[in-house]
Amino acid sequence: MDERDQPVEYRQKRYQPPEGATELLLIRHGASAPARPDAPFPLVDGQGDPELAPEGREQADRVAERLASTRLDALYVTPLRRTAQTAAPLARKLGIEPRVEPALREVHLGEWEGGLFRKMVAENDPIAQRMVAEERWDVIPGAESDEAFAARVREGLGRVAAAHPGGRVAVFTHGGVIGQALAAATGSRPFAFLTPDNGSISVLVWRDGLSSIRGFNDVSHLDWSAPAPLS
């Protein structure tokens, strides 16, 4: 049969990011030290800055094992040390010095900083109930407004993406930041993606200010079973 007589076929293909898009691997920091009423967390620019707990350091090691063979153009952390401590094992494996992006620090919790947030949520405080019902951080006294938080997360991610067009970067950040980024990408309820697990990997593809989700809360590397490669 003449090749010209062959039927034209249009096969399904594996997803490829659009040309010039940046793949952002959003990694929530490992589990941090427990909050204690008699020992508030130290503050950095008014925000709680606990170090990683032992289980958080193990999670960091597993993240490093998962991503050690992944092509990454850069690593980013925030000014809060739990992100830098989570990134450290991967940074050593890859020989990449993490960059700091201040705009991707956690939402500011106002009067509930220093570890008090965990206590109030655990005790089901009425304000915590209202926070969940209204899906707003700023019902907490003195907390950052939701609009300001959303704007700075968008600004920070946009800055990272603009620095690496067509690249792939790992961003070690916080649960609130990841939740906000994914909610903005989908136009969902504000708290729809809260809270990703410690050490989890979510994937956002960013191009020209528009973003799409390619993965959420991947924790296969934290299980005892062998994780799937992240190509």
Protein backbone atom coordinates (compact mmCIF):
# COMPACT_ATOMS: atom_id res chain seq x y z
CA MET A 1 0.00 0.00 0.00
CA ASP A 2 1.25 3.46 -0.87
CA GLU A 3 2.28 5.43 2.22
CA ARG A 4 -0.04 8.18 1.07
CA ASP A 5 -2.93 5.75 1.50
CA GLN A 6 -2.07 5.05 5.13
CA PRO A 7 -4.60 6.53 7.59
CA VAL A 8 -3.36 9.48 9.60
CA GLU A 9 -3.03 8.69 13.32
CA TYR A 10 -2.97 11.09 16.22
CA ARG A 11 -1.64 9.33 19.28
CA GLN A 12 -1.85 10.42 22.88
CA LYS A 13 1.45 11.67 24.18
CA ARG A 14 3.02 12.12 27.58
CA TYR A 15 2.64 15.61 29.01
CA GLN A 16 5.41 18.07 28.26
CA PRO A 17 5.50 21.56 29.81
CA PRO A 18 4.88 24.36 27.32
CA GLU A 19 7.98 25.95 25.84
CA GLY A 20 9.45 28.46 28.27
CA ALA A 21 7.43 27.19 31.22
CA THR A 22 9.07 26.54 34.60
CA GLU A 23 8.40 23.41 36.64
CA LEU A 24 8.21 24.29 40.31
CA LEU A 25 8.58 21.39 42.73
CA LEU A 26 6.93 22.74 45.87
CA ILE A 27 8.31 20.80 48.83
CA ARG A 28 6.88 21.27 52.27
CA HIS A 29 9.56 21.32 54.96
CA GLY A 30 10.01 18.34 57.22
CA ALA A 31 8.18 18.08 60.53
CA SER A 32 9.38 20.77 62.92
CA ALA A 33 9.91 20.66 66.67
CA PRO A 34 6.79 20.42 68.83
CA ALA A 35 5.34 23.58 70.32
CA ARG A 36 5.43 23.92 74.10
CA PRO A 37 3.70 26.62 76.16
CA ASP A 38 6.80 27.00 78.35
CA ALA A 39 9.19 27.32 75.40
CA PRO A 40 7.88 29.51 72.56
CA PHE A 41 9.61 29.20 69.21
CA PRO A 42 12.28 31.82 68.49
CA LEU A 43 11.07 34.48 66.07
CA VAL A 44 12.52 35.69 62.78
CA ASP A 45 10.90 38.92 61.63
CA GLY A 46 8.02 38.14 63.94
CA GLN A 47 7.44 34.58 62.70
CA GLY A 48 8.02 31.33 64.56
CA ASP A 49 11.27 29.65 63.56
CA PRO A 50 11.41 26.12 65.01
CA GLU A 51 14.10 23.72 63.87
CA LEU A 52 13.34 20.33 62.37
CA ALA A 53 12.33 17.50 64.68
CA PRO A 54 14.22 14.19 64.31
CA GLU A 55 11.43 12.83 62.10
CA GLY A 56 11.68 15.99 59.99
CA ARG A 57 15.38 15.35 59.38
CA GLU A 58 14.56 11.83 58.25
CA GLN A 59 11.95 13.25 55.88
CA ALA A 60 14.58 15.63 54.52
CA ASP A 61 16.90 12.71 53.82
CA ARG A 62 14.13 10.90 51.96
CA VAL A 63 13.35 13.95 49.86
CA ALA A 64 17.04 14.08 48.93
CA GLU A 65 17.05 10.41 47.95
CA ARG A 66 13.94 10.94 45.84
CA LEU A 67 15.29 13.94 43.94
CA ALA A 68 19.01 13.11 43.77
CA SER A 69 18.73 11.93 40.16
CA THR A 70 16.29 14.65 39.06
CA ARG A 71 17.59 17.47 36.88
CA LEU A 72 17.22 20.65 38.91
CA ASP A 73 18.41 24.09 37.91
CA ALA A 74 18.19 25.63 41.37
CA LEU A 75 17.03 25.14 44.96
CA TYR A 76 15.10 27.77 46.87
CA VAL A 77 14.38 28.13 50.58
CA THR A 78 12.75 30.77 52.79
CA PRO A 79 14.27 32.78 55.67
CA LEU A 80 12.83 30.25 58.14
CA ARG A 81 15.37 27.58 59.03
CA ARG A 82 13.11 24.56 58.74
CA THR A 83 13.13 24.99 54.96
CA ALA A 84 16.92 25.33 54.77
CA GLN A 85 17.36 22.29 57.00
CA THR A 86 15.02 20.29 54.77
CA ALA A 87 16.88 21.35 51.63
CA ALA A 88 20.34 20.70 53.07
CA PRO A 89 20.67 16.95 52.27
CA LEU A 90 19.63 17.49 48.64
CA ALA A 91 21.86 20.55 48.33
CA ARG A 92 24.84 18.46 49.46
CA LYS A 93 24.05 15.67 47.02
CA LEU A 94 23.68 18.04 44.07
CA GLY A 95 26.34 20.57 45.03
CA ILE A 96 23.84 23.41 44.66
CA GLU A 97 23.73 26.35 47.05
CA PRO A 98 20.09 27.15 47.92
CA ARG A 99 18.82 30.65 47.22
CA VAL A 100 16.55 32.48 49.66
CA GLU A 101 13.17 33.81 48.48
CA PRO A 102 11.66 35.80 51.37
CA ALA A 103 8.23 36.14 49.71
CA LEU A 104 7.64 32.39 50.08
CA ARG A 105 7.83 32.36 53.89
CA GLU A 106 4.80 31.08 55.79
CA VAL A 107 1.68 33.17 56.33
CA HIS A 108 2.15 35.47 59.33
CA LEU A 109 -0.07 34.29 62.17
CA GLY A 110 -0.11 37.51 64.20
CA GLU A 111 -0.75 36.97 67.90
CA TRP A 112 -0.67 33.20 67.34
CA GLU A 113 2.97 33.09 66.28
CA GLY A 114 5.70 31.34 68.26
CA GLY A 115 3.82 28.03 68.42
CA LEU A 116 0.53 29.31 69.87
CA PHE A 117 -1.28 28.53 66.60
CA ARG A 118 -0.84 24.79 67.17
CA LYS A 119 -2.23 25.03 70.70
CA MET A 120 -5.27 27.05 69.67
CA VAL A 121 -6.10 24.68 66.83
CA ALA A 122 -5.58 21.60 69.01
CA GLU A 123 -7.93 23.06 71.63
CA ASN A 124 -10.52 23.93 68.97
CA ASP A 125 -10.53 27.59 69.97
CA PRO A 126 -13.56 29.50 68.64
CA ILE A 127 -11.32 31.67 66.47
CA ALA A 128 -9.72 28.54 65.04
CA GLN A 129 -13.20 27.24 64.25
CA ARG A 130 -14.03 30.50 62.51
CA MET A 131 -10.73 30.40 60.59
CA VAL A 132 -11.62 26.99 59.18
CA ALA A 133 -15.26 27.87 58.48
CA GLU A 134 -14.42 31.13 56.69
CA GLU A 135 -11.17 29.81 55.16
CA ARG A 136 -9.32 32.98 56.12
CA TRP A 137 -6.08 33.38 58.05
CA ASP A 138 -6.77 36.97 59.03
CA VAL A 139 -9.52 36.16 61.51
CA ILE A 140 -6.54 35.47 63.82
CA PRO A 141 -5.75 38.70 65.69
CA GLY A 142 -2.92 40.55 64.00
CA ALA A 143 -2.49 37.97 61.23
CA GLU A 144 -1.47 38.82 57.68
CA SER A 145 -4.41 39.61 55.42
CA ASP A 146 -5.32 36.88 52.98
CA GLU A 147 -5.05 39.32 50.08
CA ALA A 148 -1.53 40.38 51.06
CA PHE A 149 -0.48 36.76 51.53
CA ALA A 150 -1.86 35.71 48.14
CA ALA A 151 -0.12 38.64 46.43
CA ARG A 152 3.31 37.92 47.89
CA VAL A 153 3.11 34.18 47.15
CA ARG A 154 2.25 34.98 43.54
CA GLU A 155 5.06 37.53 43.39
CA GLY A 156 7.59 35.11 44.88
CA LEU A 157 6.70 32.22 42.59
CA GLY A 158 6.67 34.53 39.60
CA ARG A 159 10.15 35.77 40.46
CA VAL A 160 11.50 32.22 40.80
CA ALA A 161 9.89 31.14 37.52
CA ALA A 162 11.18 34.20 35.66
CA ALA A 163 14.73 33.37 36.74
CA HIS A 164 14.50 29.85 35.23
CA PRO A 165 12.40 29.84 32.03
CA GLY A 166 12.20 26.33 30.63
CA GLY A 167 13.82 24.96 33.78
CA ARG A 168 12.92 22.93 36.84
CA VAL A 169 13.52 24.13 40.37
CA ALA A 170 12.86 22.78 43.85
CA VAL A 171 11.24 25.25 46.22
CA PHE A 172 11.38 24.27 49.90
CA THR A 173 8.56 26.19 51.51
CA HIS A 174 5.56 25.96 53.84
CA GLY A 175 2.13 24.35 53.96
CA GLY A 176 0.23 27.61 53.79
CA VAL A 177 2.27 28.79 50.80
CA ILE A 178 1.73 25.56 48.88
CA GLY A 179 -1.98 25.61 49.68
CA GLN A 180 -2.27 29.19 48.47
CA ALA A 181 -0.30 28.54 45.27
CA LEU A 182 -2.43 25.55 44.30
CA ALA A 183 -5.71 27.24 45.22
CA ALA A 184 -4.76 30.18 43.02
CA ALA A 185 -3.85 27.86 40.14
CA THR A 186 -7.26 26.18 40.23
CA GLY A 187 -9.49 29.01 41.41
CA SER A 188 -10.61 26.75 44.25
CA ARG A 189 -11.68 27.49 47.81
CA PRO A 190 -8.81 29.12 49.75
CA PHE A 191 -8.14 26.14 52.01
CA ALA A 192 -8.90 23.38 49.49
CA PHE A 193 -5.25 22.26 49.37
CA LEU A 194 -4.46 22.52 53.08
CA THR A 195 -2.46 20.93 54.45
CA PRO A 196 0.16 19.10 52.38
CA ASP A 197 2.17 16.59 54.39
CA ASN A 198 5.61 17.39 55.73
CA GLY A 199 8.19 16.35 53.15
CA SER A 200 5.61 16.10 50.37
CA ILE A 201 6.19 17.23 46.78
CA SER A 202 3.63 19.13 44.72
CA VAL A 203 4.31 20.22 41.15
CA LEU A 204 3.24 23.49 39.57
CA VAL A 205 3.97 24.51 35.98
CA TRP A 206 4.28 28.27 35.58
CA ARG A 207 4.35 30.28 32.35
CA ASP A 208 3.63 33.96 31.76
CA GLY A 209 1.88 34.32 35.10
CA LEU A 210 -0.40 31.34 34.53
CA SER A 211 0.05 28.10 36.43
CA SER A 212 -1.27 24.55 36.33
CA ILE A 213 -0.97 21.67 38.77
CA ARG A 214 0.88 18.53 37.74
CA GLY A 215 1.07 16.88 41.16
CA PHE A 216 -0.12 17.29 44.74
CA ASN A 217 1.17 15.93 48.03
CA ASP A 218 3.36 13.17 46.62
CA VAL A 219 4.67 11.26 49.64
CA SER A 220 5.68 7.98 47.99
CA HIS A 221 9.30 8.60 49.03
CA LEU A 222 8.22 8.75 52.67
CA ASP A 223 6.74 5.25 52.54
CA TRP A 224 8.84 2.12 53.01
CA SER A 225 7.94 0.96 49.51
CA ALA A 226 10.21 2.06 46.67
CA PRO A 227 9.15 5.45 45.27
CA ALA A 228 8.43 6.04 41.62
CA PRO A 229 11.06 8.17 39.83
CA LEU A 230 10.18 11.84 39.36
CA SER A 231 11.22 12.39 35.75
